[in-house]
Amino acid sequence: MEIAIVGAGICGLTLGRELAARGVSFALFEARERLGGRVLSVRNPTNGERLDLGPTWFWPDTQPAVSQLLEELGLERFDQYDPGSALLLSDPEEPPATRATPRLHAGAQRLKGGMASLVESLAAAIPQEALCLGNVLREIRDRGDHIELLFDAGGEMVTVAARRVVLAVPPRLLAEQAQFTPALPGADLAAMSATPTWMAAQAKAVVGFSGPPAWREAGHSGNAFVVHEQAVLGEIFDACDASGATAALGGFFALSAQMREAFRDGLPMLVESQFVQLFGKALESGEPQMQDWAKEKFTCAQADLDSSGEHPDYGANALRKSRWDGKLYFGASETAREGGGYIEGAINAAIRIRDQLFKPQEDSMTALAPASPDFDNQRSLERFGEWVASRQAPTFASYRQRLNYALSHGQREQLTQRAMLGAMEAVFADALAVLEELPFNHDGVAVERGRSDLTPKVQAAFDGFIQALLDAIIDFNRTSCALSNFPEEHRLAKDYISTTLRDIGAAWREFSLSANRLLLDKREAPATADA
């Protein structure tokens, strides 16, 4: 066949839809006996509603790829329910406190029928004979003019040949479970092993109830945070459908994978008990459904069980380039620079691979390549400035995601400092990758004491960026229910802000030095487009 895709999550399905539309010969192989990967929507027996045990939300304001795809597919969406107050339970022996929480989910939306509606719509555009379930990848072999894939199909070893192969599987899982022949370069394997699989070691519970959502009638949003040491679920949210006619709640476990296993038989009772403690006895009638992703061998690598509480930075350059003379491509959400780990990242990864497969040997930036020695660098600088300006909202979203991830993993110190620093380090890393792709003409560009004259112009694109982010963070923290139990985070003191800005200043200095080195390297050996 022309192309083999391994992994039928959102990335693989999105790419499969593109290939089907182009009439390309391909097949899509999936280890599970179902499509969707980490997307899992289940029918709740209590009320018939379909609830998400995997990804639940997307953010139209900062995730354009998801929004465009949903519009193309004609899928219905609705706003995550946020009106009303949130609850904060900081003492297991005391009733929860009430907190005002405007736009807690920052404009998040959900899909009617659950996120599996996206999986079903993508799969409907792919010929059924191209979907191959129950095929576990064991080995990838470079055969010169094609690639061989060795699959375990229910105990039978099957070999598949394709001219090009897309591995739409989390990189860390590939590094741990599949063999490459010949072996990939050490830097590639290191990048794969160092890329955590998003939410791989987490678990989620959803509960449907027979009546209407009593918490809404009481003026609550259904959002709750449980921050004491005995917490079972750390973050809880309203999981009702668009109509809100029947009640449903969802929550992320605060217990580690080891603790969840130890309390496995009692988890449904513990979940119900916590819901009752928060919202009252009306929530005793539900039937919890749970998904522990740490037990999913096609999601969670062994190394993911030891992942830190930091939000990972995704889109390593080594995983965004083709290998084996343009025959092998890495996909999955974790390979995306923008939206990495989320549905947005999975779609972006599929778009990147589509462009690499079908566009000429130049990428989208090559259209800017200088046609003459008189080429003006201003256009590249403008493009870079436009990119930086576009990252303001996503960087704030990254801060919030890092903050929530830290809270759900039990971190209690330097929450704002770590989350803001991580968000800025991520945008600086992305900025370097963008600069590497942009063309620059270095004829006539002066270098004085080791600094390119282009460097301060690159730096200028970030004027006001850090201050605007800090202002947004200060405003958000003041109204955050999750942070109201942490006074030093809730209202940031001047000393705390100064310490945080010093850390970011160090990251800015490192970015500036790296950007200058990159520009000097381009001067000596102009970059060529990657095939």
Protein backbone atom coordinates (compact mmCIF):
# COMPACT_ATOMS: atom_id res chain seq x y z
CA MET A 1 0.00 0.00 0.00
CA GLU A 2 1.04 3.62 -0.32
CA ILE A 3 0.67 4.64 3.34
CA ALA A 4 0.18 2.72 6.59
CA ILE A 5 -1.02 4.59 9.68
CA VAL A 6 -0.48 2.99 13.07
CA GLY A 7 -2.78 4.29 15.80
CA ALA A 8 -6.49 5.08 15.39
CA GLY A 9 -6.73 7.95 17.85
CA ILE A 10 -7.73 11.44 16.73
CA CYS A 11 -4.42 12.01 14.92
CA GLY A 12 -4.59 8.77 12.93
CA LEU A 13 -8.28 9.16 12.13
CA THR A 14 -7.88 12.79 11.05
CA LEU A 15 -5.04 11.83 8.71
CA GLY A 16 -7.00 8.81 7.47
CA ARG A 17 -9.89 11.10 6.54
CA GLU A 18 -7.49 13.29 4.57
CA LEU A 19 -6.02 10.29 2.72
CA ALA A 20 -9.45 8.90 1.91
CA ALA A 21 -10.50 12.25 0.43
CA ARG A 22 -7.40 12.17 -1.79
CA GLY A 23 -8.00 8.62 -2.94
CA VAL A 24 -4.69 7.38 -1.54
CA SER A 25 -4.14 3.66 -0.91
CA PHE A 26 -3.80 3.30 2.87
CA ALA A 27 -4.75 1.26 5.91
CA LEU A 28 -5.18 2.30 9.54
CA PHE A 29 -3.98 -0.18 12.18
CA GLU A 30 -5.09 -0.05 15.81
CA ALA A 31 -4.00 -2.22 18.74
CA ARG A 32 -7.34 -1.98 20.54
CA GLU A 33 -10.60 -3.52 19.39
CA ARG A 34 -12.12 -0.04 19.21
CA LEU A 35 -11.29 3.30 17.59
CA GLY A 36 -10.46 6.54 19.39
CA GLY A 37 -7.43 5.80 21.54
CA ARG A 38 -7.72 8.00 24.62
CA VAL A 39 -11.16 9.21 23.54
CA LEU A 40 -13.72 7.08 25.35
CA SER A 41 -17.41 7.91 25.77
CA VAL A 42 -19.64 5.46 27.65
CA ARG A 43 -23.40 5.16 27.96
CA ASN A 44 -24.46 5.66 31.57
CA PRO A 45 -27.10 3.07 32.51
CA THR A 46 -28.79 5.44 34.97
CA ASN A 47 -29.97 8.03 32.47
CA GLY A 48 -28.75 6.94 29.03
CA GLU A 49 -26.46 9.93 28.63
CA ARG A 50 -23.09 9.36 26.99
CA LEU A 51 -20.27 10.51 29.27
CA ASP A 52 -16.59 11.13 28.53
CA LEU A 53 -13.98 9.11 30.39
CA GLY A 54 -11.18 10.56 28.30
CA PRO A 55 -10.83 14.06 26.79
CA THR A 56 -13.91 16.15 27.49
CA TRP A 57 -13.30 19.77 26.50
CA PHE A 58 -11.90 21.94 23.79
CA TRP A 59 -11.38 25.72 23.82
CA PRO A 60 -12.52 27.51 20.63
CA ASP A 61 -10.77 30.73 21.62
CA THR A 62 -7.32 29.14 21.63
CA GLN A 63 -7.75 25.91 19.63
CA PRO A 64 -8.58 26.81 16.02
CA ALA A 65 -7.81 23.37 14.53
CA VAL A 66 -10.51 21.66 16.61
CA SER A 67 -13.05 24.37 15.82
CA GLN A 68 -12.42 24.14 12.07
CA LEU A 69 -12.64 20.34 12.01
CA LEU A 70 -15.89 20.31 14.01
CA GLU A 71 -17.37 22.84 11.60
CA GLU A 72 -16.36 20.71 8.61
CA LEU A 73 -17.94 17.65 10.19
CA GLY A 74 -21.09 19.50 11.25
CA LEU A 75 -20.88 18.36 14.87
CA GLU A 76 -22.94 20.10 17.54
CA ARG A 77 -21.19 21.69 20.49
CA PHE A 78 -22.28 23.36 23.70
CA ASP A 79 -20.73 25.42 26.48
CA GLN A 80 -19.40 23.74 29.60
CA TYR A 81 -21.79 24.69 32.40
CA ASP A 82 -20.05 27.20 34.68
CA PRO A 83 -22.70 29.58 36.11
CA GLY A 84 -22.98 29.53 39.88
CA SER A 85 -20.53 29.04 42.69
CA ALA A 86 -17.91 26.34 43.15
CA LEU A 87 -17.23 24.35 46.30
CA LEU A 88 -13.92 24.00 48.10
CA LEU A 89 -13.41 21.14 50.54
CA SER A 90 -10.21 21.59 52.51
CA ASP A 91 -11.13 19.63 55.66
CA PRO A 92 -12.72 16.15 55.52
CA GLU A 93 -14.50 16.82 58.81
CA GLU A 94 -16.05 20.15 57.76
CA PRO A 95 -18.66 21.11 55.16
CA PRO A 96 -17.36 22.62 51.92
CA ALA A 97 -16.91 26.35 51.50
CA THR A 98 -18.53 28.29 48.66
CA ARG A 99 -16.45 30.32 46.23
CA ALA A 100 -17.36 32.62 43.34
CA THR A 101 -15.83 31.25 40.14
CA PRO A 102 -16.53 33.27 37.00
CA ARG A 103 -15.65 31.36 33.80
CA LEU A 104 -13.77 28.65 35.64
CA HIS A 105 -13.34 26.63 32.45
CA ALA A 106 -12.39 29.70 30.39
CA GLY A 107 -14.93 29.22 27.62
CA ALA A 108 -14.54 25.45 27.26
CA GLN A 109 -17.03 23.59 25.09
CA ARG A 110 -18.12 19.97 24.76
CA LEU A 111 -19.55 17.83 21.99
CA LYS A 112 -23.15 16.68 21.90
CA GLY A 113 -23.05 12.92 22.34
CA GLY A 114 -19.60 13.02 23.90
CA MET A 115 -16.16 13.30 22.34
CA ALA A 116 -16.69 9.91 20.69
CA SER A 117 -18.97 11.76 18.24
CA LEU A 118 -15.75 13.16 16.74
CA VAL A 119 -14.27 9.66 16.46
CA GLU A 120 -17.42 8.32 14.78
CA SER A 121 -17.58 11.19 12.29
CA LEU A 122 -13.93 10.81 11.30
CA ALA A 123 -14.27 7.04 10.98
CA ALA A 124 -17.36 7.43 8.77
CA ALA A 125 -15.17 9.16 6.16
CA ILE A 126 -12.73 6.21 6.02
CA PRO A 127 -13.45 3.04 4.03
CA GLN A 128 -14.30 0.27 6.47
CA GLU A 129 -11.86 -2.11 4.78
CA ALA A 130 -9.04 0.30 5.66
CA LEU A 131 -9.70 -0.01 9.41
CA CYS A 132 -7.73 -2.87 10.98
CA LEU A 133 -8.40 -3.38 14.70
CA GLY A 134 -6.62 -5.70 17.10
CA ASN A 135 -3.19 -5.24 15.49
CA VAL A 136 -0.40 -4.64 18.01
CA LEU A 137 2.76 -3.17 16.46
CA ARG A 138 5.91 -5.11 17.34
CA GLU A 139 8.55 -4.03 14.82
CA ILE A 140 9.22 -1.41 12.13
CA ARG A 141 11.77 -2.42 9.46
CA ASP A 142 13.40 -0.21 6.85
CA ARG A 143 13.57 -2.20 3.58
CA GLY A 144 15.05 0.53 1.38
CA ASP A 145 12.20 1.39 -0.99
CA HIS A 146 9.48 0.54 1.56
CA ILE A 147 8.85 -0.23 5.22
CA GLU A 148 7.70 -3.49 6.75
CA LEU A 149 5.49 -3.49 9.84
CA LEU A 150 5.24 -6.58 12.01
CA PHE A 151 1.95 -6.86 13.92
CA ASP A 152 0.65 -9.28 16.52
CA ALA A 153 -2.94 -9.87 15.40
CA GLY A 154 -4.44 -12.00 18.15
CA GLY A 155 -1.42 -14.25 18.44
CA GLU A 156 -0.77 -14.44 14.70
CA MET A 157 2.20 -12.45 13.39
CA VAL A 158 1.29 -10.42 10.30
CA THR A 159 3.68 -8.47 8.07
CA VAL A 160 2.49 -5.38 6.19
CA ALA A 161 4.46 -3.48 3.51
CA ALA A 162 3.96 0.21 2.79
CA ARG A 163 5.91 2.86 0.90
CA ARG A 164 5.48 5.29 3.80
CA VAL A 165 4.45 4.82 7.43
CA VAL A 166 2.93 7.19 9.99
CA LEU A 167 3.28 6.19 13.64
CA ALA A 168 0.35 8.01 15.27
CA VAL A 169 1.18 6.49 18.65
CA PRO A 170 2.50 8.30 21.75
CA PRO A 171 6.30 8.45 21.28
CA ARG A 172 7.15 7.08 24.72
CA LEU A 173 4.91 4.09 24.13
CA LEU A 174 6.67 3.40 20.82
CA ALA A 175 10.10 3.61 22.43
CA GLU A 176 9.07 1.12 25.09
CA GLN A 177 7.02 -1.38 23.10
CA ALA A 178 8.21 -1.39 19.46
CA GLN A 179 11.50 -2.29 17.84
CA PHE A 180 13.07 -0.29 15.00
CA THR A 181 15.31 -2.10 12.50
CA PRO A 182 17.79 -0.56 12.00
CA ALA A 183 17.77 1.24 15.33
CA LEU A 184 16.88 4.92 15.27
CA PRO A 185 19.59 7.44 16.19
CA GLY A 186 20.13 7.81 19.92
CA ALA A 187 18.84 11.40 19.89
CA ASP A 188 15.53 10.26 18.38
CA LEU A 189 15.07 7.47 20.91
CA ALA A 190 15.97 9.86 23.73
CA ALA A 191 13.35 12.37 22.52
CA MET A 192 10.73 9.62 22.33
CA SER A 193 11.50 8.33 25.82
CA ALA A 194 11.56 11.85 27.25
CA THR A 195 8.08 12.72 25.92
CA PRO A 196 5.44 11.94 28.57
CA THR A 197 2.12 10.62 27.34
CA TRP A 198 -0.48 13.18 28.32
CA MET A 199 -2.73 12.05 31.18
CA ALA A 200 -1.48 8.47 30.77
CA ALA A 201 -1.28 7.75 34.49
CA GLN A 202 -4.53 9.52 35.38
CA ALA A 203 -8.00 8.20 36.12
CA LYS A 204 -11.46 9.68 35.78
CA ALA A 205 -14.92 8.95 37.14
CA VAL A 206 -18.30 10.01 35.73
CA VAL A 207 -21.66 9.48 37.40
CA GLY A 208 -25.14 9.89 35.93
CA PHE A 209 -28.25 10.41 38.05
CA SER A 210 -31.93 9.88 37.35
CA GLY A 211 -33.17 13.35 38.30
CA PRO A 212 -32.25 16.94 37.39
CA PRO A 213 -28.96 18.45 38.60
CA ALA A 214 -29.78 19.43 42.18
CA TRP A 215 -26.61 21.50 42.50
CA ARG A 216 -27.80 23.89 39.80
CA GLU A 217 -31.05 24.43 41.69
CA ALA A 218 -28.95 25.29 44.75
CA GLY A 219 -26.98 27.92 42.81
CA HIS A 220 -23.84 25.83 42.34
CA SER A 221 -21.98 25.20 39.10
CA GLY A 222 -21.09 21.59 39.87
CA ASN A 223 -17.43 22.59 40.03
CA ALA A 224 -15.60 21.55 43.18
CA PHE A 225 -12.05 21.20 44.41
CA VAL A 226 -11.05 18.82 47.19
CA VAL A 227 -7.61 19.68 48.52
CA HIS A 228 -7.24 17.75 51.78
CA GLU A 229 -4.95 14.73 52.06
CA GLN A 230 -7.80 12.20 52.01
CA ALA A 231 -9.25 13.45 48.74
CA VAL A 232 -10.49 10.78 46.33
CA LEU A 233 -11.40 13.14 43.49
CA GLY A 234 -9.41 16.35 43.32
CA GLU A 235 -11.34 18.28 40.66
CA ILE A 236 -15.06 17.81 39.96
CA PHE A 237 -17.22 19.33 37.22
CA ASP A 238 -20.74 19.37 35.82
CA ALA A 239 -21.00 16.61 33.19
CA CYS A 240 -24.64 17.13 32.17
CA ASP A 241 -25.53 17.12 28.50
CA ALA A 242 -26.55 20.23 26.56
CA SER A 243 -30.16 20.13 27.80
CA GLY A 244 -29.24 19.86 31.48
CA ALA A 245 -32.39 17.78 31.99
CA THR A 246 -30.64 14.93 33.77
CA ALA A 247 -27.79 15.16 36.26
CA ALA A 248 -24.21 14.01 35.71
CA LEU A 249 -20.92 14.80 37.40
CA GLY A 250 -17.35 14.01 36.46
CA GLY A 251 -14.12 14.10 38.38
CA PHE A 252 -10.38 13.48 38.20
CA PHE A 253 -8.88 11.17 40.82
CA ALA A 254 -6.49 12.69 43.31
CA LEU A 255 -5.26 9.22 44.28
CA SER A 256 -2.08 7.91 42.68
CA ALA A 257 -2.17 4.85 40.42
CA GLN A 258 -0.81 2.74 43.28
CA MET A 259 -3.47 4.01 45.70
CA ARG A 260 -6.23 3.45 43.15
CA GLU A 261 -5.14 -0.16 42.81
CA ALA A 262 -5.00 -0.62 46.58
CA PHE A 263 -8.57 0.73 47.00
CA ARG A 264 -9.87 -0.74 43.74
CA ASP A 265 -12.91 -2.57 45.15
CA GLY A 266 -13.99 0.37 47.29
CA LEU A 267 -13.54 3.17 44.75
CA PRO A 268 -17.22 3.38 43.66
CA MET A 269 -18.30 3.81 47.27
CA LEU A 270 -15.59 6.40 47.95
CA VAL A 271 -16.58 8.39 44.86
CA GLU A 272 -20.24 8.37 45.87
CA SER A 273 -19.36 9.37 49.43
CA GLN A 274 -17.38 12.38 48.25
CA PHE A 275 -20.16 13.54 45.93
CA VAL A 276 -22.67 13.27 48.77
CA GLN A 277 -20.37 15.21 51.11
CA LEU A 278 -20.13 17.99 48.55
CA PHE A 279 -23.64 18.18 47.11
CA GLY A 280 -25.95 16.28 49.49
CA LYS A 281 -27.88 13.01 49.70
CA ALA A 282 -29.63 13.57 46.37
CA LEU A 283 -26.44 12.21 44.78
CA GLU A 284 -26.63 8.77 46.39
CA SER A 285 -28.55 7.26 43.48
CA GLY A 286 -25.81 7.40 40.84
CA GLU A 287 -23.75 4.60 39.36
CA PRO A 288 -20.07 5.58 38.95
CA GLN A 289 -18.20 4.56 35.83
CA MET A 290 -14.43 4.83 35.97
CA GLN A 291 -11.49 4.62 33.64
CA ASP A 292 -7.97 4.15 34.97
CA TRP A 293 -5.68 5.02 32.07
CA ALA A 294 -2.65 3.83 34.02
CA LYS A 295 -3.90 0.28 33.44
CA GLU A 296 -4.19 0.77 29.67
CA LYS A 297 -1.13 -0.87 28.14
CA PHE A 298 -1.81 0.89 24.83
CA THR A 299 -1.84 4.29 26.55
CA CYS A 300 0.44 4.26 29.58
CA ALA A 301 4.13 3.41 29.29
CA GLN A 302 5.98 2.26 32.38
CA ALA A 303 7.86 5.55 32.52
CA ASP A 304 4.56 7.48 32.55
CA LEU A 305 3.78 6.10 36.00
CA ASP A 306 6.66 8.17 37.34
CA SER A 307 5.81 11.40 35.47
CA SER A 308 6.15 14.61 37.47
CA GLY A 309 3.32 17.00 38.26
CA GLU A 310 4.52 19.50 35.67
CA HIS A 311 2.65 20.08 32.42
CA PRO A 312 4.94 18.62 29.73
CA ASP A 313 6.32 20.64 26.85
CA TYR A 314 5.59 18.89 23.58
CA GLY A 315 6.64 19.14 19.94
CA ALA A 316 10.31 18.12 20.09
CA ASN A 317 11.98 18.91 16.76
CA ALA A 318 13.33 15.36 16.45
CA LEU A 319 9.76 14.02 16.43
CA ARG A 320 8.48 16.48 13.82
CA LYS A 321 10.85 15.42 11.03
CA SER A 322 10.60 12.45 8.71
CA ARG A 323 13.09 9.60 8.99
CA TRP A 324 14.40 6.83 6.74
CA ASP A 325 14.59 9.04 3.63
CA GLY A 326 11.09 10.43 4.02
CA LYS A 327 9.39 7.08 4.58
CA LEU A 328 8.74 7.29 8.36
CA TYR A 329 6.74 9.95 10.21
CA PHE A 330 5.91 10.43 13.90
CA GLY A 331 2.40 11.50 14.85
CA ALA A 332 0.19 11.63 17.98
CA SER A 333 -0.72 14.72 19.95
CA GLU A 334 2.59 14.71 21.85
CA THR A 335 4.49 15.59 18.65
CA ALA A 336 2.60 18.87 18.18
CA ARG A 337 4.13 22.18 19.21
CA GLU A 338 0.72 23.82 19.59
CA GLY A 339 -1.93 22.04 21.62
CA GLY A 340 0.40 19.17 22.46
CA GLY A 341 -1.33 16.53 24.57
CA TYR A 342 -4.82 17.72 23.66
CA ILE A 343 -7.26 17.02 20.82
CA GLU A 344 -5.95 20.21 19.22
CA GLY A 345 -2.43 18.78 19.21
CA ALA A 346 -3.58 15.52 17.64
CA ILE A 347 -5.25 17.41 14.80
CA ASN A 348 -2.22 19.69 14.35
CA ALA A 349 0.06 16.65 14.17
CA ALA A 350 -2.15 15.16 11.44
CA ILE A 351 -2.08 18.45 9.50
CA ARG A 352 1.72 18.61 9.76
CA ILE A 353 2.11 15.06 8.46
CA ARG A 354 -0.38 15.68 5.64
CA ASP A 355 1.68 18.66 4.53
CA GLN A 356 4.92 16.69 4.75
CA LEU A 357 3.42 13.88 2.69
CA PHE A 358 1.83 15.93 -0.06
CA LYS A 359 3.41 19.35 -0.27
CA PRO A 360 6.55 19.88 -2.34
CA GLN A 361 9.89 19.40 -0.62
CA GLU A 362 9.59 22.89 0.86
CA ASP A 363 7.37 23.57 3.86
CA SER A 364 4.97 26.46 4.33
CA MET A 365 7.78 28.80 5.42
CA THR A 366 9.81 28.20 2.25
CA ALA A 367 7.44 30.41 0.29
CA LEU A 368 9.18 33.29 2.07
CA ALA A 369 12.63 32.26 0.83
CA PRO A 370 14.70 35.18 -0.52
CA ALA A 371 14.62 35.49 -4.29
CA SER A 372 17.65 37.78 -4.46
CA PRO A 373 20.51 39.06 -2.30
CA ASP A 374 18.45 42.19 -1.75
CA PHE A 375 15.76 40.26 0.09
CA ASP A 376 14.38 42.30 2.98
CA ASN A 377 14.39 40.51 6.37
CA GLN A 378 11.48 42.66 7.44
CA ARG A 379 8.90 40.15 6.21
CA SER A 380 10.37 37.33 8.28
CA LEU A 381 10.49 39.60 11.34
CA GLU A 382 6.86 40.56 10.73
CA ARG A 383 5.89 36.90 10.49
CA PHE A 384 7.69 36.21 13.74
CA GLY A 385 5.97 39.17 15.42
CA GLU A 386 2.58 37.95 14.23
CA TRP A 387 3.32 34.51 15.63
CA VAL A 388 4.35 35.92 19.04
CA ALA A 389 1.20 38.06 19.20
CA SER A 390 -0.91 34.98 18.47
CA ARG A 391 0.60 33.15 21.46
CA GLN A 392 -0.72 35.48 24.18
CA ALA A 393 -4.01 33.67 24.80
CA PRO A 394 -2.57 30.14 24.36
CA THR A 395 0.24 30.96 26.83
CA PHE A 396 -2.31 32.03 29.44
CA ALA A 397 -4.24 28.83 28.73
CA SER A 398 -0.98 26.92 29.18
CA TYR A 399 -0.50 28.61 32.57
CA ARG A 400 -3.96 27.52 33.68
CA GLN A 401 -3.45 23.96 32.47
CA ARG A 402 -0.13 23.71 34.30
CA LEU A 403 -1.70 25.13 37.43
CA ASN A 404 -4.59 22.67 37.41
CA TYR A 405 -2.24 19.79 36.68
CA ALA A 406 -0.06 20.74 39.64
CA LEU A 407 -3.06 21.01 41.97
CA SER A 408 -4.42 17.64 40.88
CA HIS A 409 -1.01 16.09 41.57
CA GLY A 410 -0.86 17.37 45.12
CA GLN A 411 1.60 20.25 44.69
CA ARG A 412 1.08 22.96 47.28
CA GLU A 413 4.05 25.32 46.93
CA GLN A 414 5.17 27.85 44.30
CA LEU A 415 2.18 27.01 42.14
CA THR A 416 1.98 30.29 40.25
CA GLN A 417 5.75 30.59 39.95
CA ARG A 418 6.16 27.13 38.43
CA ALA A 419 3.15 27.36 36.14
CA MET A 420 4.05 30.79 34.75
CA LEU A 421 7.70 29.88 34.29
CA GLY A 422 6.76 26.64 32.54
CA ALA A 423 4.35 28.44 30.22
CA MET A 424 6.98 31.04 29.28
CA GLU A 425 9.72 28.44 28.79
CA ALA A 426 7.38 26.58 26.44
CA VAL A 427 6.64 29.66 24.35
CA PHE A 428 10.35 30.50 24.19
CA ALA A 429 11.10 26.97 22.95
CA ASP A 430 8.38 27.27 20.32
CA ALA A 431 9.73 30.68 19.28
CA LEU A 432 13.17 29.20 18.62
CA ALA A 433 11.60 26.51 16.42
CA VAL A 434 9.70 29.18 14.47
CA LEU A 435 12.88 31.23 14.01
CA GLU A 436 14.69 28.16 12.76
CA GLU A 437 12.11 27.74 9.99
CA LEU A 438 12.02 31.39 8.90
CA PRO A 439 14.38 32.52 6.12
CA PHE A 440 16.82 35.37 6.78
CA ASN A 441 19.24 37.07 4.43
CA HIS A 442 22.42 37.85 6.37
CA ASP A 443 24.12 39.86 3.64
CA GLY A 444 24.89 43.23 5.16
CA VAL A 445 23.70 42.24 8.65
CA ALA A 446 26.32 43.37 11.12
CA VAL A 447 27.68 41.26 13.97
CA GLU A 448 29.15 43.25 16.84
CA ARG A 449 30.81 41.57 19.83
CA GLY A 450 29.15 38.29 18.93
CA ARG A 451 25.63 39.67 18.56
CA SER A 452 23.69 39.76 15.31
CA ASP A 453 21.88 43.01 14.53
CA LEU A 454 18.79 40.87 13.96
CA THR A 455 18.71 39.68 17.59
CA PRO A 456 17.27 42.85 19.20
CA LYS A 457 14.61 42.94 16.47
CA VAL A 458 13.62 39.39 17.34
CA GLN A 459 13.53 40.31 21.03
CA ALA A 460 11.30 43.30 20.29
CA ALA A 461 8.49 40.95 19.24
CA PHE A 462 8.05 40.05 22.93
CA ASP A 463 7.69 43.66 24.13
CA GLY A 464 4.87 43.74 26.69
CA PHE A 465 4.23 39.98 26.40
CA ILE A 466 5.38 38.98 29.88
CA GLN A 467 3.64 41.91 31.60
CA ALA A 468 0.35 41.16 29.82
CA LEU A 469 0.58 37.53 30.90
CA LEU A 470 1.35 38.51 34.49
CA ASP A 471 -1.62 40.90 34.59
CA ALA A 472 -3.94 38.14 33.34
CA ILE A 473 -2.53 35.72 35.93
CA ILE A 474 -3.01 38.16 38.81
CA ASP A 475 -6.64 38.75 37.80
CA PHE A 476 -7.29 35.04 37.38
CA ASN A 477 -5.71 34.04 40.70
CA ARG A 478 -7.87 36.52 42.61
CA THR A 479 -11.05 34.77 41.47
CA SER A 480 -9.77 31.20 41.39
CA CYS A 481 -11.66 28.80 43.62
CA ALA A 482 -8.83 26.27 43.35
CA LEU A 483 -6.34 28.80 44.77
CA SER A 484 -8.56 30.30 47.47
CA ASN A 485 -7.12 27.86 49.99
CA PHE A 486 -3.59 29.08 49.19
CA PRO A 487 -3.41 32.74 50.27
CA GLU A 488 0.09 33.28 48.89
CA GLU A 489 -1.15 32.17 45.45
CA HIS A 490 -4.61 33.70 45.66
CA ARG A 491 -3.29 37.25 46.03
CA LEU A 492 0.28 37.52 44.84
CA ALA A 493 2.62 39.56 47.04
CA LYS A 494 5.23 41.86 45.51
CA ASP A 495 8.08 39.64 46.72
CA TYR A 496 6.49 36.58 45.16
CA ILE A 497 5.99 38.41 41.87
CA SER A 498 9.59 39.65 41.93
CA THR A 499 10.92 36.13 42.51
CA THR A 500 8.78 34.78 39.66
CA LEU A 501 9.94 37.52 37.30
CA ARG A 502 13.57 36.84 38.17
CA ASP A 503 13.10 33.22 37.11
CA ILE A 504 11.42 34.31 33.89
CA GLY A 505 14.19 36.85 33.35
CA ALA A 506 16.71 34.01 33.41
CA ALA A 507 14.60 32.08 30.89
CA TRP A 508 14.41 35.20 28.71
CA ARG A 509 18.17 35.58 28.80
CA GLU A 510 18.62 31.96 27.74
CA PHE A 511 16.12 32.42 24.91
CA SER A 512 17.92 35.56 23.72
CA LEU A 513 21.29 33.82 23.71
CA SER A 514 19.84 30.81 21.89
CA ALA A 515 18.11 33.04 19.32
CA ASN A 516 21.38 34.89 18.70
CA ARG A 517 23.28 31.60 18.27
CA LEU A 518 20.64 30.39 15.85
CA LEU A 519 20.89 33.56 13.76
CA LEU A 520 24.67 33.34 13.71
CA ASP A 521 24.49 29.68 12.66
CA LYS A 522 22.10 30.60 9.85
CA ARG A 523 24.59 33.24 8.74
CA GLU A 524 27.34 30.66 8.41
CA ALA A 525 25.20 27.88 6.89
CA PRO A 526 21.70 28.90 5.70
CA ALA A 527 19.11 26.32 6.69
CA THR A 528 17.49 24.18 4.03
CA ALA A 529 13.99 22.83 4.14
CA ASP A 530 13.70 19.41 5.73
CA ALA A 531 12.50 16.76 3.35
